[in-house]
């Protein structure tokens, strides 16, 4: 009898041990300790990622730029309006020396002038074909006048004249060299297009580089901003070229830009907006 009682007690103790082991095995680990609170971002990070794009700060920078460039301060609604695009001319129009060509916004004239050219490290005065481009309107214009010459290789040694290759102020006339002059040489105007810009936007756009993706280096040489320093390149032109090749964007889209204000923390960066309207 005692043996049977001992066996039952041993069995019961074994069941208790198994039960306790099972409970310990499947009870799970205690929950992890909560993460310590993260430190706030440094002030410069906050300025670059948050405050810089807040409306009060953006507005203050816009007002600072407008005063610096001596143009009217635009409202945010004015800054957000679409800029009107005009295709002034498409197709070959031959310009001879002393001849003119007019479009609704522009007047083009070809002349011959003696300018400095460069060859093998030497400078010398020689006759150049000079194209003058006049803004006939009372508005700031982003412009692109594309031309062709009989032999671009003969233009490699020509000189450049200082001018803004992207923007014309109201009634302004700029001059750019097309090529060295040879007897009976002409220039073909293949396309002319403009975008009417608000004054402050014009100053922003004028600081962009006339990259060969959109502008012919033969005629864009000598580019200088209307005011301020040129913007450093902070984006990839190869991506712009890819969009052009795929017909997703074109000159009017990439030029209809509102640059971020000229704050030391955002030099040269700008936002491309596709909110143009064709006419």
Foldseek 3Di string as FASTA:
>chain_A
DVVVVVVVVVVVVVVVVVVVVVCVVPVDDDDDDDDDDDDDDDPVVCCVPPVLPDPVNLLVLQVVLCVVVVHDRDDPVQLPAAWEKEWFDAAWDKAWAQDWDDTPFKIKHWHWDWDWWDDPRDIDTAIFIKIKIWGAAQFKKFKAWDKDWPDVVQAPGGDFAADQRTMDHGGDMDMTTQGGDDPRTIMITHTMMIIGDGPSLRQLLSLEQPDVLAHPPSTRPNHDGPDDHRFDDDDDVVVVSVCVVVVNDHDVQQSSWRQRRCDPVRGRHTDGGRRHDYD
